[in-house]
C-alpha atoms as a PDB file:
ATOM      1  CA  UNK A   1     -41.369  -5.689  -0.906  1.00  0.00           C
ATOM      2  CA  UNK A   2     -39.459  -3.212  -3.089  1.00  0.00           C
ATOM      3  CA  UNK A   3     -35.711  -2.705  -3.439  1.00  0.00           C
ATOM      4  CA  UNK A   4     -35.550   0.077  -0.820  1.00  0.00           C
ATOM      5  CA  UNK A   5     -37.395  -2.029   1.740  1.00  0.00           C
ATOM      6  CA  UNK A   6     -35.079  -4.987   1.069  1.00  0.00           C
ATOM      7  CA  UNK A   7     -32.094  -2.695   1.526  1.00  0.00           C
ATOM      8  CA  UNK A   8     -33.381  -1.544   4.934  1.00  0.00           C
ATOM      9  CA  UNK A   9     -33.707  -5.097   6.169  1.00  0.00           C
ATOM     10  CA  UNK A  10     -30.322  -6.157   4.834  1.00  0.00           C
ATOM     11  CA  UNK A  11     -28.667  -3.088   6.401  1.00  0.00           C
ATOM     12  CA  UNK A  12     -30.087  -4.021   9.830  1.00  0.00           C
ATOM     13  CA  UNK A  13     -28.749  -7.576   9.854  1.00  0.00           C
ATOM     14  CA  UNK A  14     -25.916  -8.634  12.147  1.00  0.00           C
ATOM     15  CA  UNK A  15     -24.055 -11.897  12.532  1.00  0.00           C
ATOM     16  CA  UNK A  16     -26.186 -12.598  15.604  1.00  0.00           C
ATOM     17  CA  UNK A  17     -29.137 -13.030  13.242  1.00  0.00           C
ATOM     18  CA  UNK A  18     -28.807 -16.775  12.730  1.00  0.00           C
ATOM     19  CA  UNK A  19     -30.072 -16.889   9.146  1.00  0.00           C
ATOM     20  CA  UNK A  20     -27.655 -14.157   8.066  1.00  0.00           C
ATOM     21  CA  UNK A  21     -24.815 -15.893   9.913  1.00  0.00           C
ATOM     22  CA  UNK A  22     -25.444 -19.025   7.848  1.00  0.00           C
ATOM     23  CA  UNK A  23     -24.977 -17.046   4.621  1.00  0.00           C
ATOM     24  CA  UNK A  24     -21.822 -15.375   5.963  1.00  0.00           C
ATOM     25  CA  UNK A  25     -20.356 -18.738   6.996  1.00  0.00           C
ATOM     26  CA  UNK A  26     -20.638 -20.029   3.446  1.00  0.00           C
ATOM     27  CA  UNK A  27     -17.221 -18.417   3.169  1.00  0.00           C
ATOM     28  CA  UNK A  28     -15.216 -20.968   5.131  1.00  0.00           C
ATOM     29  CA  UNK A  29     -12.560 -18.438   6.134  1.00  0.00           C
ATOM     30  CA  UNK A  30     -15.203 -16.715   8.284  1.00  0.00           C
ATOM     31  CA  UNK A  31     -15.951 -19.955  10.119  1.00  0.00           C
ATOM     32  CA  UNK A  32     -12.236 -20.546  10.649  1.00  0.00           C
ATOM     33  CA  UNK A  33     -11.737 -17.070  12.067  1.00  0.00           C
ATOM     34  CA  UNK A  34     -14.604 -17.438  14.554  1.00  0.00           C
ATOM     35  CA  UNK A  35     -13.340 -20.832  15.727  1.00  0.00           C
ATOM     36  CA  UNK A  36      -9.738 -19.635  15.928  1.00  0.00           C
ATOM     37  CA  UNK A  37     -10.801 -16.729  18.141  1.00  0.00           C
ATOM     38  CA  UNK A  38     -13.177 -18.597  20.453  1.00  0.00           C
ATOM     39  CA  UNK A  39     -10.819 -21.554  20.926  1.00  0.00           C
ATOM     40  CA  UNK A  40      -7.633 -19.447  20.883  1.00  0.00           C
ATOM     41  CA  UNK A  41      -6.177 -21.664  18.146  1.00  0.00           C
ATOM     42  CA  UNK A  42      -4.701 -19.445  15.442  1.00  0.00           C
ATOM     43  CA  UNK A  43      -3.448 -22.480  13.500  1.00  0.00           C
ATOM     44  CA  UNK A  44      -6.880 -24.130  13.195  1.00  0.00           C
ATOM     45  CA  UNK A  45      -7.764 -24.951   9.597  1.00  0.00           C
ATOM     46  CA  UNK A  46     -11.007 -26.533   8.444  1.00  0.00           C
ATOM     47  CA  UNK A  47     -11.175 -29.512   6.144  1.00  0.00           C
ATOM     48  CA  UNK A  48     -14.906 -29.261   5.435  1.00  0.00           C
ATOM     49  CA  UNK A  49     -18.108 -27.715   6.734  1.00  0.00           C
ATOM     50  CA  UNK A  50     -21.824 -28.241   6.295  1.00  0.00           C
ATOM     51  CA  UNK A  51     -24.470 -25.613   7.008  1.00  0.00           C
ATOM     52  CA  UNK A  52     -27.962 -26.530   8.162  1.00  0.00           C
ATOM     53  CA  UNK A  53     -26.913 -30.152   8.495  1.00  0.00           C
ATOM     54  CA  UNK A  54     -29.821 -32.371   9.523  1.00  0.00           C
ATOM     55  CA  UNK A  55     -29.076 -35.138  12.010  1.00  0.00           C
ATOM     56  CA  UNK A  56     -32.028 -37.541  12.065  1.00  0.00           C
ATOM     57  CA  UNK A  57     -32.872 -39.646  15.101  1.00  0.00           C
ATOM     58  CA  UNK A  58     -34.959 -42.771  14.538  1.00  0.00           C
ATOM     59  CA  UNK A  59     -35.965 -42.932  18.206  1.00  0.00           C
ATOM     60  CA  UNK A  60     -36.497 -39.281  19.072  1.00  0.00           C
ATOM     61  CA  UNK A  61     -36.074 -35.657  18.043  1.00  0.00           C
ATOM     62  CA  UNK A  62     -33.922 -34.788  15.029  1.00  0.00           C
ATOM     63  CA  UNK A  63     -31.634 -31.744  14.903  1.00  0.00           C
ATOM     64  CA  UNK A  64     -30.701 -29.242  12.216  1.00  0.00           C
ATOM     65  CA  UNK A  65     -27.264 -27.860  13.054  1.00  0.00           C
ATOM     66  CA  UNK A  66     -26.394 -24.271  12.085  1.00  0.00           C
ATOM     67  CA  UNK A  67     -22.821 -25.198  11.200  1.00  0.00           C
ATOM     68  CA  UNK A  68     -21.055 -28.551  11.467  1.00  0.00           C
ATOM     69  CA  UNK A  69     -17.390 -28.692  10.502  1.00  0.00           C
ATOM     70  CA  UNK A  70     -14.244 -30.777  10.737  1.00  0.00           C
ATOM     71  CA  UNK A  71     -10.682 -29.514  10.964  1.00  0.00           C
ATOM     72  CA  UNK A  72      -7.565 -30.954   9.363  1.00  0.00           C
ATOM     73  CA  UNK A  73      -6.867 -33.001  12.503  1.00  0.00           C
ATOM     74  CA  UNK A  74     -10.314 -34.618  12.424  1.00  0.00           C
ATOM     75  CA  UNK A  75     -11.798 -32.649  15.326  1.00  0.00           C
ATOM     76  CA  UNK A  76     -15.534 -31.948  15.042  1.00  0.00           C
ATOM     77  CA  UNK A  77     -17.207 -28.567  15.681  1.00  0.00           C
ATOM     78  CA  UNK A  78     -20.841 -27.492  15.914  1.00  0.00           C
ATOM     79  CA  UNK A  79     -21.484 -23.724  15.977  1.00  0.00           C
ATOM     80  CA  UNK A  80     -24.941 -22.518  17.032  1.00  0.00           C
ATOM     81  CA  UNK A  81     -26.132 -18.893  17.207  1.00  0.00           C
ATOM     82  CA  UNK A  82     -28.766 -18.514  19.916  1.00  0.00           C
ATOM     83  CA  UNK A  83     -30.611 -15.281  20.697  1.00  0.00           C
ATOM     84  CA  UNK A  84     -32.967 -16.828  23.248  1.00  0.00           C
ATOM     85  CA  UNK A  85     -32.140 -18.579  26.496  1.00  0.00           C
ATOM     86  CA  UNK A  86     -34.593 -21.348  25.634  1.00  0.00           C
ATOM     87  CA  UNK A  87     -32.489 -22.265  22.605  1.00  0.00           C
ATOM     88  CA  UNK A  88     -29.273 -22.695  24.584  1.00  0.00           C
ATOM     89  CA  UNK A  89     -30.167 -24.779  27.614  1.00  0.00           C
ATOM     90  CA  UNK A  90     -27.578 -27.184  29.049  1.00  0.00           C
ATOM     91  CA  UNK A  91     -29.662 -30.201  28.073  1.00  0.00           C
ATOM     92  CA  UNK A  92     -29.864 -28.980  24.486  1.00  0.00           C
ATOM     93  CA  UNK A  93     -26.067 -28.770  24.432  1.00  0.00           C
ATOM     94  CA  UNK A  94     -25.934 -32.325  25.781  1.00  0.00           C
ATOM     95  CA  UNK A  95     -28.295 -33.507  23.037  1.00  0.00           C
ATOM     96  CA  UNK A  96     -26.249 -31.822  20.307  1.00  0.00           C
ATOM     97  CA  UNK A  97     -23.114 -33.590  21.525  1.00  0.00           C
ATOM     98  CA  UNK A  98     -24.913 -36.939  21.759  1.00  0.00           C
ATOM     99  CA  UNK A  99     -26.355 -36.804  18.241  1.00  0.00           C
ATOM    100  CA  UNK A 100     -23.028 -35.701  16.797  1.00  0.00           C
ATOM    101  CA  UNK A 101     -21.419 -38.782  18.344  1.00  0.00           C
ATOM    102  CA  UNK A 102     -24.202 -41.046  17.084  1.00  0.00           C
ATOM    103  CA  UNK A 103     -23.743 -39.861  13.503  1.00  0.00           C
ATOM    104  CA  UNK A 104     -19.957 -39.875  13.578  1.00  0.00           C
ATOM    105  CA  UNK A 105     -19.178 -43.434  14.651  1.00  0.00           C
ATOM    106  CA  UNK A 106     -19.779 -46.002  11.907  1.00  0.00           C
ATOM    107  CA  UNK A 107     -21.124 -49.503  12.469  1.00  0.00           C
ATOM    108  CA  UNK A 108     -18.450 -51.776  13.870  1.00  0.00           C
ATOM    109  CA  UNK A 109     -15.973 -48.992  14.667  1.00  0.00           C
ATOM    110  CA  UNK A 110     -14.350 -48.884  18.073  1.00  0.00           C
ATOM    111  CA  UNK A 111     -15.384 -46.173  20.518  1.00  0.00           C
ATOM    112  CA  UNK A 112     -11.782 -44.977  20.474  1.00  0.00           C
ATOM    113  CA  UNK A 113     -12.491 -43.748  16.926  1.00  0.00           C
ATOM    114  CA  UNK A 114     -14.866 -41.074  18.223  1.00  0.00           C
ATOM    115  CA  UNK A 115     -13.303 -37.697  17.359  1.00  0.00           C
ATOM    116  CA  UNK A 116     -12.850 -34.914  19.869  1.00  0.00           C
ATOM    117  CA  UNK A 117     -15.901 -32.676  19.544  1.00  0.00           C
ATOM    118  CA  UNK A 118     -16.898 -29.125  20.400  1.00  0.00           C
ATOM    119  CA  UNK A 119     -20.452 -27.806  20.748  1.00  0.00           C
ATOM    120  CA  UNK A 120     -20.243 -24.012  20.705  1.00  0.00           C
ATOM    121  CA  UNK A 121     -23.229 -21.826  21.533  1.00  0.00           C
ATOM    122  CA  UNK A 122     -22.787 -18.161  20.603  1.00  0.00           C
ATOM    123  CA  UNK A 123     -25.380 -16.421  22.770  1.00  0.00           C
ATOM    124  CA  UNK A 124     -26.824 -12.925  22.755  1.00  0.00           C
ATOM    125  CA  UNK A 125     -27.081 -12.822  26.551  1.00  0.00           C
ATOM    126  CA  UNK A 126     -25.355 -14.447  29.511  1.00  0.00           C
ATOM    127  CA  UNK A 127     -27.432 -17.623  29.416  1.00  0.00           C
ATOM    128  CA  UNK A 128     -25.607 -19.353  32.279  1.00  0.00           C
ATOM    129  CA  UNK A 129     -25.699 -16.250  34.486  1.00  0.00           C
ATOM    130  CA  UNK A 130     -22.214 -16.332  36.009  1.00  0.00           C
ATOM    131  CA  UNK A 131     -20.809 -13.297  34.239  1.00  0.00           C
ATOM    132  CA  UNK A 132     -18.192 -15.177  32.253  1.00  0.00           C
ATOM    133  CA  UNK A 133     -17.118 -14.191  28.773  1.00  0.00           C
ATOM    134  CA  UNK A 134     -16.474 -17.765  27.698  1.00  0.00           C
ATOM    135  CA  UNK A 135     -17.794 -20.812  29.537  1.00  0.00           C
ATOM    136  CA  UNK A 136     -15.812 -23.996  28.949  1.00  0.00           C
ATOM    137  CA  UNK A 137     -17.730 -27.013  30.206  1.00  0.00           C
ATOM    138  CA  UNK A 138     -15.909 -30.300  30.800  1.00  0.00           C
ATOM    139  CA  UNK A 139     -16.797 -33.500  32.636  1.00  0.00           C
ATOM    140  CA  UNK A 140     -14.651 -34.062  35.719  1.00  0.00           C
ATOM    141  CA  UNK A 141     -14.055 -36.780  38.296  1.00  0.00           C
ATOM    142  CA  UNK A 142     -15.698 -35.127  41.270  1.00  0.00           C
ATOM    143  CA  UNK A 143     -13.468 -36.387  44.081  1.00  0.00           C
ATOM    144  CA  UNK A 144     -10.099 -35.645  42.460  1.00  0.00           C
ATOM    145  CA  UNK A 145     -11.185 -32.809  40.191  1.00  0.00           C
ATOM    146  CA  UNK A 146      -9.338 -34.443  37.303  1.00  0.00           C
ATOM    147  CA  UNK A 147     -10.769 -34.270  33.805  1.00  0.00           C
ATOM    148  CA  UNK A 148     -12.838 -37.209  32.593  1.00  0.00           C
ATOM    149  CA  UNK A 149     -11.178 -37.311  29.195  1.00  0.00           C
ATOM    150  CA  UNK A 150     -14.044 -38.315  26.928  1.00  0.00           C
ATOM    151  CA  UNK A 151     -13.117 -35.741  24.274  1.00  0.00           C
ATOM    152  CA  UNK A 152     -16.460 -33.918  24.496  1.00  0.00           C
ATOM    153  CA  UNK A 153     -16.361 -30.144  25.017  1.00  0.00           C
ATOM    154  CA  UNK A 154     -19.197 -27.634  25.368  1.00  0.00           C
ATOM    155  CA  UNK A 155     -18.600 -23.881  25.157  1.00  0.00           C
ATOM    156  CA  UNK A 156     -20.885 -20.892  25.643  1.00  0.00           C
ATOM    157  CA  UNK A 157     -19.609 -17.620  24.164  1.00  0.00           C
ATOM    158  CA  UNK A 158     -21.426 -14.781  25.940  1.00  0.00           C
ATOM    159  CA  UNK A 159     -21.457 -11.848  23.491  1.00  0.00           C
ATOM    160  CA  UNK A 160     -23.096  -9.578  26.078  1.00  0.00           C
ATOM    161  CA  UNK A 161     -19.683  -9.265  27.748  1.00  0.00           C
ATOM    162  CA  UNK A 162     -17.333  -7.284  25.540  1.00  0.00           C
ATOM    163  CA  UNK A 163     -13.968  -7.058  27.276  1.00  0.00           C
ATOM    164  CA  UNK A 164     -10.964  -5.414  25.635  1.00  0.00           C
ATOM    165  CA  UNK A 165      -9.537  -8.643  24.271  1.00  0.00           C
ATOM    166  CA  UNK A 166      -9.863 -10.857  21.194  1.00  0.00           C
ATOM    167  CA  UNK A 167     -13.156 -12.366  22.375  1.00  0.00           C
ATOM    168  CA  UNK A 168     -14.579  -8.947  23.207  1.00  0.00           C
ATOM    169  CA  UNK A 169     -13.680  -7.634  19.765  1.00  0.00           C
ATOM    170  CA  UNK A 170     -15.339 -10.651  18.150  1.00  0.00           C
ATOM    171  CA  UNK A 171     -18.466 -10.126  20.276  1.00  0.00           C
ATOM    172  CA  UNK A 172     -18.693  -6.516  19.058  1.00  0.00           C
ATOM    173  CA  UNK A 173     -18.192  -7.596  15.451  1.00  0.00           C
ATOM    174  CA  UNK A 174     -20.971 -10.170  15.730  1.00  0.00           C
ATOM    175  CA  UNK A 175     -23.393  -7.451  16.865  1.00  0.00           C
ATOM    176  CA  UNK A 176     -22.326  -4.778  14.378  1.00  0.00           C
ATOM    177  CA  UNK A 177     -24.611  -4.105  11.407  1.00  0.00           C
ATOM    178  CA  UNK A 178     -22.246  -1.730   9.575  1.00  0.00           C
ATOM    179  CA  UNK A 179     -19.482  -3.711   7.822  1.00  0.00           C
ATOM    180  CA  UNK A 180     -17.179  -0.658   7.962  1.00  0.00           C
ATOM    181  CA  UNK A 181     -17.257  -0.879  11.779  1.00  0.00           C
ATOM    182  CA  UNK A 182     -16.415  -4.600  11.874  1.00  0.00           C
ATOM    183  CA  UNK A 183     -12.777  -4.913  12.955  1.00  0.00           C
ATOM    184  CA  UNK A 184     -12.102  -8.397  11.568  1.00  0.00           C
ATOM    185  CA  UNK A 185     -11.037  -8.035   7.947  1.00  0.00           C
ATOM    186  CA  UNK A 186     -12.425 -11.399   6.880  1.00  0.00           C
ATOM    187  CA  UNK A 187     -15.834 -10.785   8.487  1.00  0.00           C
ATOM    188  CA  UNK A 188     -15.983  -7.166   7.336  1.00  0.00           C
ATOM    189  CA  UNK A 189     -15.217  -8.102   3.726  1.00  0.00           C
ATOM    190  CA  UNK A 190     -17.802 -10.881   3.685  1.00  0.00           C
ATOM    191  CA  UNK A 191     -20.570  -8.801   5.291  1.00  0.00           C
ATOM    192  CA  UNK A 192     -19.828  -5.860   2.988  1.00  0.00           C
ATOM    193  CA  UNK A 193     -19.968  -8.088  -0.093  1.00  0.00           C
ATOM    194  CA  UNK A 194     -23.411  -9.308   0.966  1.00  0.00           C
ATOM    195  CA  UNK A 195     -24.819  -5.935   2.020  1.00  0.00           C
ATOM    196  CA  UNK A 196     -23.370  -3.462  -0.427  1.00  0.00           C
ATOM    197  CA  UNK A 197     -24.532  -4.923  -3.705  1.00  0.00           C
ATOM    198  CA  UNK A 198     -21.241  -6.513  -4.779  1.00  0.00           C
ATOM    199  CA  UNK A 199     -23.074  -9.686  -5.733  1.00  0.00           C
ATOM    200  CA  UNK A 200     -23.347 -11.786  -8.840  1.00  0.00           C
ATOM    201  CA  UNK A 201     -26.702 -13.205  -9.874  1.00  0.00           C
ATOM    202  CA  UNK A 202     -26.198 -16.239  -7.640  1.00  0.00           C
ATOM    203  CA  UNK A 203     -25.389 -14.039  -4.656  1.00  0.00           C
ATOM    204  CA  UNK A 204     -28.429 -11.850  -5.237  1.00  0.00           C
ATOM    205  CA  UNK A 205     -30.597 -14.960  -5.466  1.00  0.00           C
ATOM    206  CA  UNK A 206     -29.247 -16.160  -2.101  1.00  0.00           C
ATOM    207  CA  UNK A 207     -30.074 -12.838  -0.449  1.00  0.00           C
ATOM    208  CA  UNK A 208     -33.616 -12.964  -1.828  1.00  0.00           C
ATOM    209  CA  UNK A 209     -33.980 -16.491  -0.435  1.00  0.00           C
ATOM    210  CA  UNK A 210     -32.641 -15.192   2.888  1.00  0.00           C
ATOM    211  CA  UNK A 211     -35.224 -12.398   3.008  1.00  0.00           C
ATOM    212  CA  UNK A 212     -37.995 -14.867   2.272  1.00  0.00           C
ATOM    213  CA  UNK A 213     -36.789 -17.040   5.169  1.00  0.00           C
ATOM    214  CA  UNK A 214     -36.901 -14.002   7.449  1.00  0.00           C
ATOM    215  CA  UNK A 215     -40.408 -13.205   6.247  1.00  0.00           C
ATOM    216  CA  UNK A 216     -41.581 -16.717   7.080  1.00  0.00           C
ATOM    217  CA  UNK A 217     -39.795 -16.577  10.441  1.00  0.00           C
ATOM    218  CA  UNK A 218     -41.504 -13.281  11.264  1.00  0.00           C
ATOM    219  CA  UNK A 219     -44.912 -14.740  10.465  1.00  0.00           C
ATOM    220  CA  UNK A 220     -44.218 -17.918  12.461  1.00  0.00           C
ATOM    221  CA  UNK A 221     -43.059 -16.009  15.534  1.00  0.00           C
ATOM    222  CA  UNK A 222     -46.059 -13.714  15.442  1.00  0.00           C
ATOM    223  CA  UNK A 223     -45.326 -10.194  14.290  1.00  0.00           C
ATOM    224  CA  UNK A 224     -48.058  -8.760  16.497  1.00  0.00           C
ATOM    225  CA  UNK A 225     -46.372 -10.198  19.580  1.00  0.00           C
ATOM    226  CA  UNK A 226     -43.155  -8.340  18.826  1.00  0.00           C
ATOM    227  CA  UNK A 227     -40.853 -11.210  19.718  1.00  0.00           C
ATOM    228  CA  UNK A 228     -37.821  -9.620  18.061  1.00  0.00           C
ATOM    229  CA  UNK A 229     -36.774  -6.406  16.340  1.00  0.00           C
ATOM    230  CA  UNK A 230     -36.296  -8.083  12.979  1.00  0.00           C
ATOM    231  CA  UNK A 231     -39.797  -9.555  12.967  1.00  0.00           C
ATOM    232  CA  UNK A 232     -41.199  -6.102  13.773  1.00  0.00           C
ATOM    233  CA  UNK A 233     -39.186  -4.483  10.984  1.00  0.00           C
ATOM    234  CA  UNK A 234     -40.231  -7.040   8.395  1.00  0.00           C
ATOM    235  CA  UNK A 235     -43.801  -6.800   9.633  1.00  0.00           C
ATOM    236  CA  UNK A 236     -43.879  -3.053   9.054  1.00  0.00           C
ATOM    237  CA  UNK A 237     -42.378  -3.453   5.603  1.00  0.00           C
ATOM    238  CA  UNK A 238     -44.888  -6.151   4.692  1.00  0.00           C
ATOM    239  CA  UNK A 239     -47.728  -3.902   5.796  1.00  0.00           C
ATOM    240  CA  UNK A 240     -46.496  -1.111   3.537  1.00  0.00           C
ATOM    241  CA  UNK A 241     -45.668  -3.406   0.607  1.00  0.00           C
END
């Protein structure tokens, strides 16, 4: 794959491409901005974050989380970018929350020490099918309708709905390939720095690793089946390379 072919692929990437999102979120300010917008908490500040964090499970299926982070108040957040409905089912959200709890509470600690947690699925389509822009899922006491205050929150951000509000603007930014058209300054600057060649040797190395991951993903998904536009693009470039 030559430099021109690499440039074509990089130019086509959006933040809804999960592998590219992971590279963008290496700049913590980008993660903060996305969380601040989705949760409507402009004061939210992160203490730490881990990308591609593996949560093992000795008795069942392990998970690799796209982004796991903690804010200054100790609240826990898991951000997942999902382009397929199969990757964002309600039971998957439940499992994410359960494993996060399992790996947060240390041996001998009281259950009251469990931090408030948020599992956030950023989806390409309206996975839950009710037309909402942001789904906020909470456990309730059915008879009274009161919240069952266990501190566990699940959110689905439907980027297919792009209303004229802060969430709608974020949804458009997440699907925009041209950094000059991204309205958020922090996201635009980060995407531009990755796409427009303003990289040091370490940055260039990361982008080459990213392209190799996309190549492997395209092969795994089956280029001939045309499961996504990126796989098709990489497939064509590989054929001509």
